[in-house]
């Protein structure tokens, strides 16, 4: 499995979906990377409907009661990555712990592998 979603991150995703009045069982957390950022690649998170998933190009899994999709191209850069949710005084949001990173920017939103 390329990306591991922590229970805390899944709980936050469910909260966001419920706030939007969307059905959790028909909604997918899409995780990927795209060229850009100051280090070469940047992380991408999206919320899509299950019907929008291209199962020939995306790996679909279920973790802690949520559906997670990662496209096959991003899978190469995200293998072994953990997606967590941090809620502290200085910042709040999703965080990536990617063992494939050789260099990242100061904000942690872009990387090179």
C-alpha atoms as a PDB file:
ATOM      1  CA  UNK A   1       0.000   0.000   0.000  1.00  0.00           C
ATOM      2  CA  UNK A   2       1.617   3.253  -1.084  1.00  0.00           C
ATOM      3  CA  UNK A   3       0.033   5.626   1.456  1.00  0.00           C
ATOM      4  CA  UNK A   4      -0.938   4.846   5.029  1.00  0.00           C
ATOM      5  CA  UNK A   5      -3.640   7.114   6.452  1.00  0.00           C
ATOM      6  CA  UNK A   6      -3.589   7.430  10.224  1.00  0.00           C
ATOM      7  CA  UNK A   7      -6.766   7.108  12.237  1.00  0.00           C
ATOM      8  CA  UNK A   8      -6.516  10.799  13.171  1.00  0.00           C
ATOM      9  CA  UNK A   9      -6.282  11.852   9.491  1.00  0.00           C
ATOM     10  CA  UNK A  10      -9.221   9.603   8.570  1.00  0.00           C
ATOM     11  CA  UNK A  11     -11.300  11.101  11.385  1.00  0.00           C
ATOM     12  CA  UNK A  12     -10.588  14.629  10.108  1.00  0.00           C
ATOM     13  CA  UNK A  13     -11.462  13.613   6.537  1.00  0.00           C
ATOM     14  CA  UNK A  14     -14.780  12.169   7.785  1.00  0.00           C
ATOM     15  CA  UNK A  15     -15.478  15.401   9.685  1.00  0.00           C
ATOM     16  CA  UNK A  16     -14.905  17.490   6.537  1.00  0.00           C
ATOM     17  CA  UNK A  17     -17.153  15.214   4.460  1.00  0.00           C
ATOM     18  CA  UNK A  18     -19.936  15.264   7.038  1.00  0.00           C
ATOM     19  CA  UNK A  19     -19.706  19.079   7.254  1.00  0.00           C
ATOM     20  CA  UNK A  20     -20.243  19.164   3.477  1.00  0.00           C
ATOM     21  CA  UNK A  21     -23.273  16.867   3.872  1.00  0.00           C
ATOM     22  CA  UNK A  22     -21.725  14.246   1.574  1.00  0.00           C
ATOM     23  CA  UNK A  23     -22.043  10.486   2.130  1.00  0.00           C
ATOM     24  CA  UNK A  24     -18.747   9.128   3.488  1.00  0.00           C
ATOM     25  CA  UNK A  25     -19.219   5.768   1.747  1.00  0.00           C
ATOM     26  CA  UNK A  26     -19.446   7.460  -1.689  1.00  0.00           C
ATOM     27  CA  UNK A  27     -16.608   9.951  -1.153  1.00  0.00           C
ATOM     28  CA  UNK A  28     -12.885   9.363  -1.738  1.00  0.00           C
ATOM     29  CA  UNK A  29      -9.754  11.066  -0.433  1.00  0.00           C
ATOM     30  CA  UNK A  30      -7.516  11.400  -3.514  1.00  0.00           C
ATOM     31  CA  UNK A  31      -3.795  11.670  -2.730  1.00  0.00           C
ATOM     32  CA  UNK A  32      -1.130  12.432  -5.300  1.00  0.00           C
ATOM     33  CA  UNK A  33       1.889  14.435  -6.332  1.00  0.00           C
ATOM     34  CA  UNK A  34       2.391  16.936  -9.125  1.00  0.00           C
ATOM     35  CA  UNK A  35       5.414  18.664 -10.580  1.00  0.00           C
ATOM     36  CA  UNK A  36       5.897  22.007  -8.882  1.00  0.00           C
ATOM     37  CA  UNK A  37       6.866  23.635  -5.652  1.00  0.00           C
ATOM     38  CA  UNK A  38      10.366  24.772  -4.810  1.00  0.00           C
ATOM     39  CA  UNK A  39      11.802  21.240  -4.510  1.00  0.00           C
ATOM     40  CA  UNK A  40      10.383  19.512  -7.607  1.00  0.00           C
ATOM     41  CA  UNK A  41       7.113  17.870  -6.516  1.00  0.00           C
ATOM     42  CA  UNK A  42       4.239  18.947  -4.340  1.00  0.00           C
ATOM     43  CA  UNK A  43       1.624  16.925  -2.509  1.00  0.00           C
ATOM     44  CA  UNK A  44      -1.986  17.044  -3.683  1.00  0.00           C
ATOM     45  CA  UNK A  45      -5.104  16.174  -1.666  1.00  0.00           C
ATOM     46  CA  UNK A  46      -8.590  16.168  -3.090  1.00  0.00           C
ATOM     47  CA  UNK A  47     -12.094  15.073  -2.270  1.00  0.00           C
ATOM     48  CA  UNK A  48     -13.941  13.325  -5.093  1.00  0.00           C
ATOM     49  CA  UNK A  49     -16.985  11.148  -5.592  1.00  0.00           C
ATOM     50  CA  UNK A  50     -16.410   7.412  -5.893  1.00  0.00           C
ATOM     51  CA  UNK A  51     -17.825   7.538  -9.442  1.00  0.00           C
ATOM     52  CA  UNK A  52     -14.964   9.868 -10.491  1.00  0.00           C
ATOM     53  CA  UNK A  53     -12.237   7.313  -9.716  1.00  0.00           C
ATOM     54  CA  UNK A  54     -10.454   5.797 -12.732  1.00  0.00           C
ATOM     55  CA  UNK A  55      -9.840   2.287 -11.426  1.00  0.00           C
ATOM     56  CA  UNK A  56      -7.555   1.499 -14.373  1.00  0.00           C
ATOM     57  CA  UNK A  57      -5.196   4.311 -13.287  1.00  0.00           C
ATOM     58  CA  UNK A  58      -5.828   4.687  -9.547  1.00  0.00           C
ATOM     59  CA  UNK A  59      -5.197   2.359  -6.623  1.00  0.00           C
ATOM     60  CA  UNK A  60      -8.223   2.330  -4.326  1.00  0.00           C
ATOM     61  CA  UNK A  61      -8.099   1.185  -0.699  1.00  0.00           C
ATOM     62  CA  UNK A  62     -10.151   1.554   2.445  1.00  0.00           C
ATOM     63  CA  UNK A  63      -8.514   2.655   5.683  1.00  0.00           C
ATOM     64  CA  UNK A  64     -10.202   3.472   9.004  1.00  0.00           C
ATOM     65  CA  UNK A  65     -13.577   3.649   7.273  1.00  0.00           C
ATOM     66  CA  UNK A  66     -12.603   5.986   4.415  1.00  0.00           C
ATOM     67  CA  UNK A  67     -11.792   5.317   0.772  1.00  0.00           C
ATOM     68  CA  UNK A  68      -8.355   6.426  -0.431  1.00  0.00           C
ATOM     69  CA  UNK A  69      -7.190   6.707  -4.056  1.00  0.00           C
ATOM     70  CA  UNK A  70      -3.636   7.176  -5.332  1.00  0.00           C
ATOM     71  CA  UNK A  71      -2.857   7.399  -9.039  1.00  0.00           C
ATOM     72  CA  UNK A  72      -0.232   4.965 -10.310  1.00  0.00           C
ATOM     73  CA  UNK A  73       2.229   7.729 -11.276  1.00  0.00           C
ATOM     74  CA  UNK A  74       2.122   9.235  -7.775  1.00  0.00           C
ATOM     75  CA  UNK A  75       2.457   5.766  -6.248  1.00  0.00           C
ATOM     76  CA  UNK A  76       6.130   5.742  -7.280  1.00  0.00           C
ATOM     77  CA  UNK A  77       6.823   8.806  -5.124  1.00  0.00           C
ATOM     78  CA  UNK A  78       4.499   7.982  -2.226  1.00  0.00           C
ATOM     79  CA  UNK A  79       5.315   4.343  -1.484  1.00  0.00           C
ATOM     80  CA  UNK A  80       5.483   3.994   2.309  1.00  0.00           C
ATOM     81  CA  UNK A  81       4.217   7.528   3.012  1.00  0.00           C
ATOM     82  CA  UNK A  82       2.083   8.194   6.081  1.00  0.00           C
ATOM     83  CA  UNK A  83      -0.629  10.857   5.942  1.00  0.00           C
ATOM     84  CA  UNK A  84      -1.421  12.243   9.381  1.00  0.00           C
ATOM     85  CA  UNK A  85      -3.359  15.186  10.773  1.00  0.00           C
ATOM     86  CA  UNK A  86      -1.701  17.684  13.090  1.00  0.00           C
ATOM     87  CA  UNK A  87      -3.717  20.019  15.306  1.00  0.00           C
ATOM     88  CA  UNK A  88      -1.450  22.252  17.349  1.00  0.00           C
ATOM     89  CA  UNK A  89      -1.073  25.853  18.424  1.00  0.00           C
ATOM     90  CA  UNK A  90       1.338  26.790  15.649  1.00  0.00           C
ATOM     91  CA  UNK A  91      -0.367  24.973  12.756  1.00  0.00           C
ATOM     92  CA  UNK A  92      -3.240  22.698  11.821  1.00  0.00           C
ATOM     93  CA  UNK A  93      -3.507  20.426   8.822  1.00  0.00           C
ATOM     94  CA  UNK A  94      -2.563  17.242   7.058  1.00  0.00           C
ATOM     95  CA  UNK A  95       1.101  16.228   7.151  1.00  0.00           C
ATOM     96  CA  UNK A  96       3.087  13.787   5.033  1.00  0.00           C
ATOM     97  CA  UNK A  97       5.889  11.573   6.332  1.00  0.00           C
ATOM     98  CA  UNK A  98       7.493  10.330   3.117  1.00  0.00           C
ATOM     99  CA  UNK A  99      10.514   8.009   3.427  1.00  0.00           C
ATOM    100  CA  UNK A 100      11.401   8.607  -0.259  1.00  0.00           C
ATOM    101  CA  UNK A 101      12.221  12.305   0.213  1.00  0.00           C
ATOM    102  CA  UNK A 102      15.826  13.280  -0.421  1.00  0.00           C
ATOM    103  CA  UNK A 103      15.206  17.038  -0.125  1.00  0.00           C
ATOM    104  CA  UNK A 104      12.224  19.147   0.936  1.00  0.00           C
ATOM    105  CA  UNK A 105      11.395  22.804   1.239  1.00  0.00           C
ATOM    106  CA  UNK A 106      11.082  24.649   4.539  1.00  0.00           C
ATOM    107  CA  UNK A 107       7.282  24.525   4.586  1.00  0.00           C
ATOM    108  CA  UNK A 108       7.174  20.765   3.922  1.00  0.00           C
ATOM    109  CA  UNK A 109       4.751  21.051   0.994  1.00  0.00           C
ATOM    110  CA  UNK A 110       7.229  20.166  -1.757  1.00  0.00           C
ATOM    111  CA  UNK A 111       9.987  17.606  -2.106  1.00  0.00           C
ATOM    112  CA  UNK A 112      12.355  15.749  -4.385  1.00  0.00           C
ATOM    113  CA  UNK A 113      12.906  12.016  -4.288  1.00  0.00           C
END
